[in-house]
Amino acid sequence: MRRSLILQILLLALCAIGAWSWLAKPWEGWRARPEPTLHIKRFDRILDEYVSLGSNTALARMNMEYPTQTKLLIENVLAIGHIDEPDIEKRLRTFYLDSTVQVLLEEVHRQYSDLSDVEAALHTAFAAEKKRNPSLRMPTFYAQISCLRQSIIVADTLIGISLDKYLGADFPLYDDYYSAEQRQQMTRDSIASDALRYYLHTQQR
């Protein structure tokens, strides 16, 4: 009788330990789960699809999924006209089919097929700033090709990153337009700091 009682107590203890382990695992998994990282929307790729193929599907996506980005690009960055003008899409495509712009597009394809390291750097920079300033509104990011017009464009909480302005200090085409000092800042590693600096400047207005 006594042996049976001891066995029952041991079984209950083992069951309790097993139940605690099962309950603890989800909690531990939740605690270990990393913070979600930000994502850079590839507006540049959809634009390139429209330019290179004349794709109406890509044009529709630009107008429906990226209306603000498209308007900013046409009216503010490139300054080639107004978004509502009847031939503006044709003018946009002609602009990007320029031989010099095509060199930029090709190099962006080569260097920026993957943006995960840039996204991680942006996450680190903006998370640190958010910790210092909890009221900071976190922005949404997208990539574009500005044809060397602007590095970073900010509209409220939207940040556009012109990848063609970050092709490296030794990119040959830059020699015709920028000083050696300027070229030193036109690198992949400068994107996060530039984006944060420009964004904070607009938020202080």
N, C-alpha and C. Protein backbone atom coordinates (compact mmCIF):
# COMPACT_ATOMS: atom_id res chain seq x y z
N MET A 1 0.84 -1.20 0.00
CA MET A 1 0.00 0.00 0.00
C MET A 1 0.87 1.25 0.00
N ARG A 2 1.88 1.23 0.87
CA ARG A 2 2.77 2.39 0.98
C ARG A 2 3.56 2.58 -0.32
N ARG A 3 4.00 1.43 -0.92
CA ARG A 3 4.77 1.51 -2.17
C ARG A 3 3.89 2.08 -3.28
N SER A 4 2.62 1.68 -3.31
CA SER A 4 1.69 2.18 -4.33
C SER A 4 1.48 3.68 -4.19
N LEU A 5 1.39 4.15 -2.94
CA LEU A 5 1.20 5.58 -2.69
C LEU A 5 2.41 6.37 -3.16
N ILE A 6 3.62 5.85 -2.89
CA ILE A 6 4.85 6.53 -3.31
C ILE A 6 4.92 6.63 -4.82
N LEU A 7 4.53 5.54 -5.53
CA LEU A 7 4.55 5.53 -6.99
C LEU A 7 3.58 6.55 -7.56
N GLN A 8 2.42 6.66 -6.92
CA GLN A 8 1.44 7.64 -7.39
C GLN A 8 1.96 9.07 -7.24
N ILE A 9 2.63 9.33 -6.10
CA ILE A 9 3.20 10.67 -5.86
C ILE A 9 4.27 10.99 -6.90
N LEU A 10 5.13 10.00 -7.20
CA LEU A 10 6.19 10.20 -8.19
C LEU A 10 5.60 10.47 -9.57
N LEU A 11 4.54 9.74 -9.94
CA LEU A 11 3.90 9.95 -11.23
C LEU A 11 3.29 11.33 -11.34
N LEU A 12 2.65 11.78 -10.25
CA LEU A 12 2.07 13.12 -10.24
C LEU A 12 3.14 14.20 -10.38
N ALA A 13 4.29 13.98 -9.71
CA ALA A 13 5.39 14.94 -9.78
C ALA A 13 5.94 15.02 -11.20
N LEU A 14 6.11 13.87 -11.85
CA LEU A 14 6.62 13.84 -13.22
C LEU A 14 5.65 14.53 -14.18
N CYS A 15 4.37 14.30 -13.98
CA CYS A 15 3.37 14.94 -14.83
C CYS A 15 3.41 16.46 -14.67
N ALA A 16 3.57 16.90 -13.42
CA ALA A 16 3.62 18.34 -13.15
C ALA A 16 4.84 18.98 -13.82
N ILE A 17 5.98 18.29 -13.74
CA ILE A 17 7.21 18.81 -14.37
C ILE A 17 7.03 18.88 -15.88
N GLY A 18 6.43 17.84 -16.47
CA GLY A 18 6.20 17.83 -17.92
C GLY A 18 5.27 18.94 -18.35
N ALA A 19 4.20 19.16 -17.57
CA ALA A 19 3.25 20.21 -17.91
C ALA A 19 3.92 21.58 -17.84
N TRP A 20 4.77 21.79 -16.83
CA TRP A 20 5.47 23.08 -16.70
C TRP A 20 6.41 23.30 -17.88
N SER A 21 7.10 22.24 -18.29
CA SER A 21 8.01 22.37 -19.43
C SER A 21 7.25 22.73 -20.69
N TRP A 22 6.10 22.10 -20.88
CA TRP A 22 5.29 22.37 -22.07
C TRP A 22 4.78 23.81 -22.07
N LEU A 23 4.37 24.29 -20.90
CA LEU A 23 3.88 25.66 -20.80
C LEU A 23 4.99 26.69 -20.95
N ALA A 24 6.19 26.34 -20.48
CA ALA A 24 7.29 27.29 -20.51
C ALA A 24 7.85 27.48 -21.90
N LYS A 25 7.79 26.42 -22.74
CA LYS A 25 8.40 26.52 -24.07
C LYS A 25 7.78 27.62 -24.92
N PRO A 26 6.44 27.71 -25.02
CA PRO A 26 5.88 28.81 -25.81
C PRO A 26 6.30 30.18 -25.28
N TRP A 27 6.37 30.31 -23.95
CA TRP A 27 6.77 31.58 -23.34
C TRP A 27 8.21 31.92 -23.71
N GLU A 28 9.09 30.90 -23.63
CA GLU A 28 10.48 31.13 -23.98
C GLU A 28 10.62 31.49 -25.45
N GLY A 29 9.83 30.81 -26.30
CA GLY A 29 9.88 31.10 -27.73
C GLY A 29 9.42 32.51 -28.02
N TRP A 30 8.38 32.95 -27.30
CA TRP A 30 7.89 34.32 -27.49
C TRP A 30 8.93 35.33 -27.08
N ARG A 31 9.63 35.07 -25.96
CA ARG A 31 10.65 36.01 -25.50
C ARG A 31 11.83 36.06 -26.45
N ALA A 32 12.15 34.92 -27.08
CA ALA A 32 13.32 34.87 -27.95
C ALA A 32 13.02 35.39 -29.35
N ARG A 33 11.75 35.60 -29.66
CA ARG A 33 11.37 36.02 -30.99
C ARG A 33 11.95 37.40 -31.29
N PRO A 34 12.71 37.58 -32.38
CA PRO A 34 13.32 38.88 -32.67
C PRO A 34 12.28 39.91 -33.07
N GLU A 35 12.63 41.18 -32.88
CA GLU A 35 11.75 42.25 -33.31
C GLU A 35 11.60 42.21 -34.82
N PRO A 36 10.40 42.53 -35.33
CA PRO A 36 10.24 42.53 -36.78
C PRO A 36 11.12 43.60 -37.41
N THR A 37 11.79 43.25 -38.49
CA THR A 37 12.65 44.21 -39.17
C THR A 37 11.84 44.95 -40.22
N LEU A 38 12.27 46.13 -40.57
CA LEU A 38 11.55 46.91 -41.57
C LEU A 38 11.83 46.37 -42.97
N HIS A 39 11.02 46.79 -43.90
CA HIS A 39 11.14 46.31 -45.27
C HIS A 39 11.17 47.51 -46.22
N ILE A 40 12.08 47.48 -47.20
CA ILE A 40 12.15 48.52 -48.22
C ILE A 40 11.33 48.05 -49.43
N LYS A 41 10.30 48.75 -49.78
CA LYS A 41 9.47 48.39 -50.92
C LYS A 41 10.22 48.70 -52.22
N ARG A 42 10.20 47.75 -53.14
CA ARG A 42 10.99 47.87 -54.37
C ARG A 42 10.20 48.56 -55.49
N PHE A 43 9.90 49.82 -55.27
CA PHE A 43 9.26 50.64 -56.30
C PHE A 43 10.15 50.74 -57.53
N ASP A 44 11.47 50.72 -57.32
CA ASP A 44 12.41 50.81 -58.44
C ASP A 44 12.24 49.67 -59.43
N ARG A 45 11.94 48.50 -58.95
CA ARG A 45 11.80 47.33 -59.83
C ARG A 45 10.55 47.43 -60.69
N ILE A 46 9.46 47.92 -60.11
CA ILE A 46 8.23 48.06 -60.89
C ILE A 46 8.40 49.14 -61.95
N LEU A 47 9.06 50.23 -61.58
CA LEU A 47 9.34 51.29 -62.55
C LEU A 47 10.21 50.76 -63.68
N ASP A 48 11.23 49.98 -63.34
CA ASP A 48 12.12 49.43 -64.35
C ASP A 48 11.38 48.47 -65.29
N GLU A 49 10.44 47.72 -64.73
CA GLU A 49 9.65 46.83 -65.56
C GLU A 49 8.83 47.61 -66.59
N TYR A 50 8.28 48.73 -66.14
CA TYR A 50 7.53 49.57 -67.07
C TYR A 50 8.44 50.16 -68.14
N VAL A 51 9.60 50.65 -67.73
CA VAL A 51 10.52 51.30 -68.65
C VAL A 51 11.07 50.30 -69.67
N SER A 52 11.54 49.17 -69.19
CA SER A 52 12.22 48.21 -70.07
C SER A 52 11.26 47.45 -70.98
N LEU A 53 10.05 47.17 -70.50
CA LEU A 53 9.11 46.34 -71.26
C LEU A 53 7.90 47.11 -71.77
N GLY A 54 7.72 48.34 -71.29
CA GLY A 54 6.51 49.08 -71.63
C GLY A 54 5.28 48.39 -71.08
N SER A 55 5.43 47.74 -69.94
CA SER A 55 4.38 46.90 -69.36
C SER A 55 3.23 47.74 -68.78
N ASN A 56 2.04 47.52 -69.31
CA ASN A 56 0.86 48.20 -68.77
C ASN A 56 0.52 47.69 -67.36
N THR A 57 0.85 46.43 -67.10
CA THR A 57 0.63 45.88 -65.77
C THR A 57 1.50 46.60 -64.75
N ALA A 58 2.76 46.82 -65.09
CA ALA A 58 3.66 47.55 -64.19
C ALA A 58 3.18 48.98 -64.00
N LEU A 59 2.73 49.61 -65.07
CA LEU A 59 2.22 50.99 -64.97
C LEU A 59 1.00 51.05 -64.06
N ALA A 60 0.12 50.05 -64.19
CA ALA A 60 -1.06 50.00 -63.32
C ALA A 60 -0.66 49.83 -61.86
N ARG A 61 0.35 49.01 -61.61
CA ARG A 61 0.83 48.81 -60.24
C ARG A 61 1.42 50.10 -59.68
N MET A 62 2.15 50.83 -60.51
CA MET A 62 2.71 52.11 -60.07
C MET A 62 1.60 53.05 -59.62
N ASN A 63 0.54 53.11 -60.41
CA ASN A 63 -0.55 54.04 -60.12
C ASN A 63 -1.45 53.59 -58.98
N MET A 64 -1.58 52.28 -58.80
CA MET A 64 -2.49 51.76 -57.78
C MET A 64 -1.79 51.47 -56.45
N GLU A 65 -0.59 50.87 -56.51
CA GLU A 65 0.12 50.49 -55.29
C GLU A 65 1.06 51.59 -54.79
N TYR A 66 1.55 52.41 -55.72
CA TYR A 66 2.53 53.44 -55.35
C TYR A 66 2.14 54.81 -55.91
N PRO A 67 0.92 55.28 -55.66
CA PRO A 67 0.51 56.57 -56.24
C PRO A 67 1.32 57.75 -55.72
N THR A 68 1.61 57.75 -54.42
CA THR A 68 2.38 58.86 -53.84
C THR A 68 3.80 58.85 -54.36
N GLN A 69 4.42 57.67 -54.40
CA GLN A 69 5.79 57.55 -54.88
C GLN A 69 5.91 57.97 -56.34
N THR A 70 4.93 57.57 -57.15
CA THR A 70 4.95 57.93 -58.57
C THR A 70 4.80 59.43 -58.76
N LYS A 71 3.89 60.03 -58.02
CA LYS A 71 3.67 61.48 -58.10
C LYS A 71 4.92 62.24 -57.66
N LEU A 72 5.52 61.81 -56.55
CA LEU A 72 6.74 62.47 -56.06
C LEU A 72 7.87 62.36 -57.08
N LEU A 73 8.00 61.19 -57.68
CA LEU A 73 9.07 60.98 -58.66
C LEU A 73 8.90 61.90 -59.86
N ILE A 74 7.70 61.94 -60.40
CA ILE A 74 7.45 62.73 -61.61
C ILE A 74 7.50 64.23 -61.36
N GLU A 75 6.85 64.67 -60.28
CA GLU A 75 6.69 66.10 -60.05
C GLU A 75 7.81 66.74 -59.24
N ASN A 76 8.37 66.00 -58.26
CA ASN A 76 9.36 66.59 -57.37
C ASN A 76 10.79 66.18 -57.67
N VAL A 77 11.00 64.90 -57.92
CA VAL A 77 12.37 64.42 -58.11
C VAL A 77 12.86 64.71 -59.52
N LEU A 78 12.13 64.23 -60.53
CA LEU A 78 12.54 64.44 -61.92
C LEU A 78 12.07 65.77 -62.48
N ALA A 79 10.95 66.26 -61.95
CA ALA A 79 10.36 67.53 -62.39
C ALA A 79 10.14 67.54 -63.91
N ILE A 80 9.46 66.51 -64.42
CA ILE A 80 9.23 66.41 -65.87
C ILE A 80 7.79 66.76 -66.24
N GLY A 81 6.99 67.15 -65.28
CA GLY A 81 5.62 67.51 -65.59
C GLY A 81 4.69 67.18 -64.43
N HIS A 82 3.40 67.21 -64.73
CA HIS A 82 2.38 66.94 -63.72
C HIS A 82 1.82 65.54 -63.93
N ILE A 83 1.49 64.87 -62.83
CA ILE A 83 1.03 63.48 -62.88
C ILE A 83 -0.23 63.31 -63.74
N ASP A 84 -1.06 64.35 -63.88
CA ASP A 84 -2.31 64.24 -64.61
C ASP A 84 -2.18 64.57 -66.10
N GLU A 85 -1.03 64.96 -66.56
CA GLU A 85 -0.86 65.27 -67.98
C GLU A 85 -1.01 64.00 -68.81
N PRO A 86 -1.68 64.09 -69.95
CA PRO A 86 -2.04 62.88 -70.72
C PRO A 86 -0.86 62.06 -71.22
N ASP A 87 0.28 62.69 -71.48
CA ASP A 87 1.41 61.94 -72.03
C ASP A 87 2.54 61.74 -71.03
N ILE A 88 2.23 61.89 -69.74
CA ILE A 88 3.29 61.88 -68.73
C ILE A 88 3.96 60.52 -68.63
N GLU A 89 3.21 59.43 -68.81
CA GLU A 89 3.83 58.10 -68.73
C GLU A 89 4.85 57.90 -69.85
N LYS A 90 4.50 58.38 -71.04
CA LYS A 90 5.42 58.28 -72.17
C LYS A 90 6.69 59.08 -71.90
N ARG A 91 6.52 60.28 -71.35
CA ARG A 91 7.69 61.12 -71.03
C ARG A 91 8.56 60.47 -69.97
N LEU A 92 7.91 59.84 -68.99
CA LEU A 92 8.65 59.16 -67.94
C LEU A 92 9.50 58.03 -68.51
N ARG A 93 8.88 57.24 -69.38
CA ARG A 93 9.60 56.11 -69.97
C ARG A 93 10.76 56.60 -70.85
N THR A 94 10.52 57.62 -71.64
CA THR A 94 11.58 58.18 -72.49
C THR A 94 12.74 58.68 -71.66
N PHE A 95 12.43 59.29 -70.53
CA PHE A 95 13.47 59.82 -69.65
C PHE A 95 14.38 58.70 -69.16
N TYR A 96 13.79 57.57 -68.77
CA TYR A 96 14.58 56.47 -68.22
C TYR A 96 15.27 55.62 -69.29
N LEU A 97 14.85 55.77 -70.54
CA LEU A 97 15.51 55.05 -71.62
C LEU A 97 16.79 55.74 -72.10
N ASP A 98 17.08 56.89 -71.55
CA ASP A 98 18.34 57.59 -71.85
C ASP A 98 19.52 56.67 -71.54
N SER A 99 20.55 56.71 -72.37
CA SER A 99 21.69 55.78 -72.24
C SER A 99 22.40 55.92 -70.89
N THR A 100 22.55 57.14 -70.40
CA THR A 100 23.22 57.34 -69.10
C THR A 100 22.39 56.76 -67.97
N VAL A 101 21.07 56.96 -68.02
CA VAL A 101 20.19 56.42 -66.99
C VAL A 101 20.20 54.89 -67.04
N GLN A 102 20.30 54.33 -68.22
CA GLN A 102 20.35 52.89 -68.35
C GLN A 102 21.60 52.30 -67.68
N VAL A 103 22.70 53.03 -67.72
CA VAL A 103 23.91 52.60 -67.01
C VAL A 103 23.65 52.54 -65.51
N LEU A 104 22.95 53.55 -65.00
CA LEU A 104 22.60 53.58 -63.58
C LEU A 104 21.70 52.41 -63.21
N LEU A 105 20.69 52.16 -64.04
CA LEU A 105 19.77 51.06 -63.77
C LEU A 105 20.49 49.72 -63.73
N GLU A 106 21.38 49.52 -64.67
CA GLU A 106 22.12 48.25 -64.72
C GLU A 106 22.99 48.06 -63.49
N GLU A 107 23.62 49.13 -63.04
CA GLU A 107 24.48 49.02 -61.86
C GLU A 107 23.67 48.82 -60.58
N VAL A 108 22.51 49.45 -60.51
CA VAL A 108 21.62 49.22 -59.36
C VAL A 108 21.18 47.77 -59.32
N HIS A 109 20.86 47.19 -60.47
CA HIS A 109 20.50 45.77 -60.52
C HIS A 109 21.63 44.91 -59.98
N ARG A 110 22.84 45.25 -60.37
CA ARG A 110 23.99 44.43 -59.98
C ARG A 110 24.28 44.53 -58.48
N GLN A 111 24.24 45.75 -57.95
CA GLN A 111 24.64 45.95 -56.56
C GLN A 111 23.51 45.73 -55.55
N TYR A 112 22.26 45.94 -55.98
CA TYR A 112 21.17 45.96 -55.01
C TYR A 112 20.09 44.91 -55.30
N SER A 113 20.50 43.75 -55.73
CA SER A 113 19.52 42.67 -55.87
C SER A 113 18.99 42.26 -54.50
N ASP A 114 19.81 42.45 -53.47
CA ASP A 114 19.43 42.11 -52.09
C ASP A 114 19.62 43.35 -51.21
N LEU A 115 18.60 43.71 -50.47
CA LEU A 115 18.67 44.90 -49.61
C LEU A 115 18.62 44.54 -48.12
N SER A 116 18.80 43.27 -47.79
CA SER A 116 18.63 42.85 -46.40
C SER A 116 19.61 43.55 -45.46
N ASP A 117 20.85 43.78 -45.88
CA ASP A 117 21.81 44.46 -45.02
C ASP A 117 21.44 45.93 -44.83
N VAL A 118 20.90 46.55 -45.87
CA VAL A 118 20.46 47.95 -45.77
C VAL A 118 19.25 48.04 -44.84
N GLU A 119 18.34 47.10 -44.98
CA GLU A 119 17.16 47.08 -44.10
C GLU A 119 17.57 46.90 -42.65
N ALA A 120 18.55 46.04 -42.40
CA ALA A 120 19.02 45.82 -41.02
C ALA A 120 19.66 47.08 -40.46
N ALA A 121 20.44 47.77 -41.29
CA ALA A 121 21.09 49.01 -40.84
C ALA A 121 20.06 50.10 -40.54
N LEU A 122 19.03 50.20 -41.38
CA LEU A 122 17.97 51.17 -41.14
C LEU A 122 17.20 50.83 -39.87
N HIS A 123 16.93 49.56 -39.67
CA HIS A 123 16.22 49.13 -38.46
C HIS A 123 17.01 49.51 -37.21
N THR A 124 18.30 49.26 -37.22
CA THR A 124 19.14 49.58 -36.08
C THR A 124 19.15 51.08 -35.81
N ALA A 125 19.34 51.87 -36.86
CA ALA A 125 19.44 53.32 -36.71
C ALA A 125 18.12 53.92 -36.21
N PHE A 126 17.02 53.51 -36.80
CA PHE A 126 15.73 54.11 -36.43
C PHE A 126 15.22 53.58 -35.10
N ALA A 127 15.53 52.33 -34.78
CA ALA A 127 15.13 51.78 -33.47
C ALA A 127 15.86 52.50 -32.35
N ALA A 128 17.14 52.80 -32.57
CA ALA A 128 17.92 53.52 -31.56
C ALA A 128 17.37 54.93 -31.37
N GLU A 129 17.01 55.58 -32.47
CA GLU A 129 16.45 56.93 -32.38
C GLU A 129 15.08 56.91 -31.70
N LYS A 130 14.29 55.87 -31.99
CA LYS A 130 12.97 55.73 -31.36
C LYS A 130 13.11 55.53 -29.86
N LYS A 131 14.15 54.85 -29.44
CA LYS A 131 14.39 54.65 -28.01
C LYS A 131 14.73 55.97 -27.34
N ARG A 132 15.50 56.81 -28.04
CA ARG A 132 15.84 58.13 -27.49
C ARG A 132 14.64 59.07 -27.53
N ASN A 133 13.83 58.91 -28.56
CA ASN A 133 12.69 59.80 -28.76
C ASN A 133 11.43 58.97 -29.03
N PRO A 134 10.74 58.51 -27.98
CA PRO A 134 9.59 57.62 -28.14
C PRO A 134 8.46 58.19 -29.00
N SER A 135 8.38 59.50 -29.14
CA SER A 135 7.30 60.10 -29.94
C SER A 135 7.60 60.08 -31.43
N LEU A 136 8.77 59.65 -31.81
CA LEU A 136 9.14 59.62 -33.23
C LEU A 136 8.22 58.69 -34.01
N ARG A 137 7.66 59.18 -35.10
CA ARG A 137 6.83 58.36 -35.96
C ARG A 137 7.73 57.55 -36.90
N MET A 138 7.56 56.25 -36.90
CA MET A 138 8.41 55.40 -37.72
C MET A 138 7.96 55.46 -39.18
N PRO A 139 8.90 55.66 -40.09
CA PRO A 139 8.55 55.84 -41.51
C PRO A 139 8.40 54.53 -42.27
N THR A 140 7.90 54.65 -43.49
CA THR A 140 7.85 53.57 -44.46
C THR A 140 8.90 53.85 -45.53
N PHE A 141 9.60 52.82 -45.96
CA PHE A 141 10.72 53.00 -46.89
C PHE A 141 10.41 52.39 -48.26
N TYR A 142 10.94 53.05 -49.30
CA TYR A 142 10.87 52.47 -50.63
C TYR A 142 12.14 52.85 -51.41
N ALA A 143 12.47 52.05 -52.41
CA ALA A 143 13.65 52.30 -53.24
C ALA A 143 13.21 52.89 -54.57
N GLN A 144 14.04 53.78 -55.11
CA GLN A 144 13.74 54.39 -56.39
C GLN A 144 15.04 54.66 -57.14
N ILE A 145 14.91 55.07 -58.39
CA ILE A 145 16.04 55.54 -59.19
C ILE A 145 15.75 56.99 -59.52
N SER A 146 16.54 57.91 -58.99
CA SER A 146 16.26 59.33 -59.15
C SER A 146 17.03 59.97 -60.29
N CYS A 147 17.83 59.17 -61.01
CA CYS A 147 18.67 59.71 -62.09
C CYS A 147 19.62 60.78 -61.57
N LEU A 148 20.18 60.50 -60.39
CA LEU A 148 21.16 61.35 -59.72
C LEU A 148 20.57 62.68 -59.25
N ARG A 149 19.25 62.78 -59.14
CA ARG A 149 18.63 64.04 -58.73
C ARG A 149 18.69 64.23 -57.22
N GLN A 150 18.24 63.22 -56.44
CA GLN A 150 18.20 63.34 -54.99
C GLN A 150 18.60 62.01 -54.35
N SER A 151 19.28 62.11 -53.22
CA SER A 151 19.68 60.89 -52.50
C SER A 151 18.51 60.31 -51.71
N ILE A 152 17.91 61.16 -50.89
CA ILE A 152 16.79 60.76 -50.03
C ILE A 152 15.66 61.75 -50.22
N ILE A 153 14.46 61.24 -50.39
CA ILE A 153 13.29 62.12 -50.45
C ILE A 153 12.35 61.73 -49.32
N VAL A 154 11.86 62.74 -48.61
CA VAL A 154 10.98 62.50 -47.46
C VAL A 154 9.66 63.22 -47.68
N ALA A 155 8.56 62.50 -47.50
CA ALA A 155 7.23 63.09 -47.57
C ALA A 155 6.43 62.55 -46.39
N ASP A 156 6.27 63.39 -45.38
CA ASP A 156 5.63 62.99 -44.13
C ASP A 156 6.39 61.80 -43.53
N THR A 157 5.79 60.61 -43.47
CA THR A 157 6.50 59.45 -42.91
C THR A 157 6.91 58.46 -44.01
N LEU A 158 7.08 58.97 -45.21
CA LEU A 158 7.51 58.16 -46.34
C LEU A 158 8.93 58.56 -46.73
N ILE A 159 9.82 57.58 -46.82
CA ILE A 159 11.21 57.85 -47.18
C ILE A 159 11.57 57.08 -48.45
N GLY A 160 11.97 57.84 -49.48
CA GLY A 160 12.43 57.23 -50.72
C GLY A 160 13.95 57.24 -50.77
N ILE A 161 14.53 56.09 -51.04
CA ILE A 161 15.99 55.95 -51.12
C ILE A 161 16.39 55.79 -52.58
N SER A 162 17.16 56.72 -53.09
CA SER A 162 17.61 56.67 -54.48
C SER A 162 18.87 55.81 -54.56
N LEU A 163 18.70 54.57 -54.94
CA LEU A 163 19.83 53.64 -54.95
C LEU A 163 20.92 54.05 -55.92
N ASP A 164 20.57 54.79 -56.96
CA ASP A 164 21.58 55.23 -57.93
C ASP A 164 22.53 56.27 -57.35
N LYS A 165 22.23 56.81 -56.18
CA LYS A 165 23.13 57.76 -55.53
C LYS A 165 24.04 57.07 -54.51
N TYR A 166 23.97 55.74 -54.46
CA TYR A 166 24.78 54.98 -53.48
C TYR A 166 25.46 53.79 -54.16
N LEU A 167 26.14 54.06 -55.25
CA LEU A 167 26.79 53.00 -56.02
C LEU A 167 28.28 52.89 -55.74
N GLY A 168 28.76 53.63 -54.75
CA GLY A 168 30.15 53.51 -54.34
C GLY A 168 31.02 54.66 -54.83
N ALA A 169 32.00 55.02 -54.04
CA ALA A 169 32.88 56.15 -54.35
C ALA A 169 33.63 55.97 -55.66
N ASP A 170 33.85 54.74 -56.08
CA ASP A 170 34.63 54.46 -57.28
C ASP A 170 33.77 54.24 -58.52
N PHE A 171 32.47 54.43 -58.42
CA PHE A 171 31.62 54.25 -59.59
C PHE A 171 32.01 55.28 -60.66
N PRO A 172 32.43 54.86 -61.84
CA PRO A 172 33.02 55.77 -62.83
C PRO A 172 32.15 56.96 -63.22
N LEU A 173 30.86 56.75 -63.35
CA LEU A 173 29.98 57.82 -63.80
C LEU A 173 29.96 59.00 -62.83
N TYR A 174 30.21 58.74 -61.56
CA TYR A 174 30.20 59.81 -60.57
C TYR A 174 31.31 60.83 -60.81
N ASP A 175 32.40 60.42 -61.44
CA ASP A 175 33.53 61.33 -61.66
C ASP A 175 33.12 62.57 -62.43
N ASP A 176 32.11 62.44 -63.30
CA ASP A 176 31.69 63.57 -64.14
C ASP A 176 30.81 64.57 -63.41
N TYR A 177 30.31 64.19 -62.24
CA TYR A 177 29.31 65.03 -61.59
C TYR A 177 29.66 65.43 -60.15
N TYR A 178 30.54 64.67 -59.49
CA TYR A 178 30.76 64.90 -58.06
C TYR A 178 32.25 65.00 -57.73
N SER A 179 32.53 65.75 -56.68
CA SER A 179 33.91 65.86 -56.20
C SER A 179 34.30 64.58 -55.46
N ALA A 180 35.60 64.44 -55.22
CA ALA A 180 36.09 63.26 -54.50
C ALA A 180 35.47 63.20 -53.10
N GLU A 181 35.31 64.35 -52.48
CA GLU A 181 34.72 64.39 -51.13
C GLU A 181 33.27 63.95 -51.16
N GLN A 182 32.52 64.40 -52.15
CA GLN A 182 31.13 63.99 -52.27
C GLN A 182 31.01 62.50 -52.52
N ARG A 183 31.87 61.97 -53.37
CA ARG A 183 31.80 60.55 -53.73
C ARG A 183 32.05 59.64 -52.54
N GLN A 184 32.81 60.12 -51.57
CA GLN A 184 33.09 59.30 -50.38
C GLN A 184 31.82 59.00 -49.59
N GLN A 185 30.80 59.84 -49.75
CA GLN A 185 29.54 59.64 -49.02
C GLN A 185 28.51 58.86 -49.82
N MET A 186 28.83 58.54 -51.07
CA MET A 186 27.84 57.91 -51.95
C MET A 186 28.03 56.39 -51.96
N THR A 187 27.94 55.83 -50.78
CA THR A 187 28.19 54.40 -50.59
C THR A 187 27.00 53.73 -49.92
N ARG A 188 26.98 52.44 -50.03
CA ARG A 188 25.92 51.63 -49.41
C ARG A 188 25.83 51.87 -47.91
N ASP A 189 26.97 52.03 -47.26
CA ASP A 189 27.02 52.20 -45.81
C ASP A 189 26.46 53.54 -45.35
N SER A 190 26.28 54.47 -46.29
CA SER A 190 25.79 55.81 -45.92
C SER A 190 24.27 55.91 -45.94
N ILE A 191 23.59 54.90 -46.46
CA ILE A 191 22.14 55.00 -46.66
C ILE A 191 21.40 55.21 -45.34
N ALA A 192 21.69 54.39 -44.35
CA ALA A 192 20.94 54.46 -43.08
C ALA A 192 21.13 55.81 -42.39
N SER A 193 22.37 56.27 -42.32
CA SER A 193 22.63 57.55 -41.64
C SER A 193 22.02 58.71 -42.40
N ASP A 194 22.08 58.68 -43.74
CA ASP A 194 21.47 59.75 -44.54
C ASP A 194 19.95 59.75 -44.36
N ALA A 195 19.34 58.57 -44.41
CA ALA A 195 17.88 58.49 -44.26
C ALA A 195 17.43 59.03 -42.91
N LEU A 196 18.14 58.66 -41.86
CA LEU A 196 17.78 59.14 -40.52
C LEU A 196 17.97 60.66 -40.42
N ARG A 197 19.07 61.15 -40.96
CA ARG A 197 19.36 62.59 -40.87
C ARG A 197 18.30 63.41 -41.61
N TYR A 198 17.99 63.02 -42.83
CA TYR A 198 16.99 63.76 -43.61
C TYR A 198 15.62 63.66 -42.95
N TYR A 199 15.29 62.51 -42.42
CA TYR A 199 13.97 62.32 -41.81
C TYR A 199 13.83 63.17 -40.55
N LEU A 200 14.85 63.17 -39.71
CA LEU A 200 14.78 63.96 -38.48
C LEU A 200 14.70 65.44 -38.80
N HIS A 201 15.37 65.86 -39.86
CA HIS A 201 15.32 67.28 -40.26
C HIS A 201 13.90 67.69 -40.63
N THR A 202 13.18 66.83 -41.36
CA THR A 202 11.81 67.18 -41.76
C THR A 202 10.86 67.09 -40.58
N GLN A 203 11.12 66.18 -39.63
CA GLN A 203 10.24 66.04 -38.48
C GLN A 203 10.34 67.20 -37.51
N GLN A 204 11.43 67.96 -37.59
CA GLN A 204 11.64 69.09 -36.68
C GLN A 204 11.00 70.37 -37.19
N ARG A 205 10.50 70.35 -38.40
CA ARG A 205 9.89 71.57 -38.96
C ARG A 205 8.56 71.88 -38.28
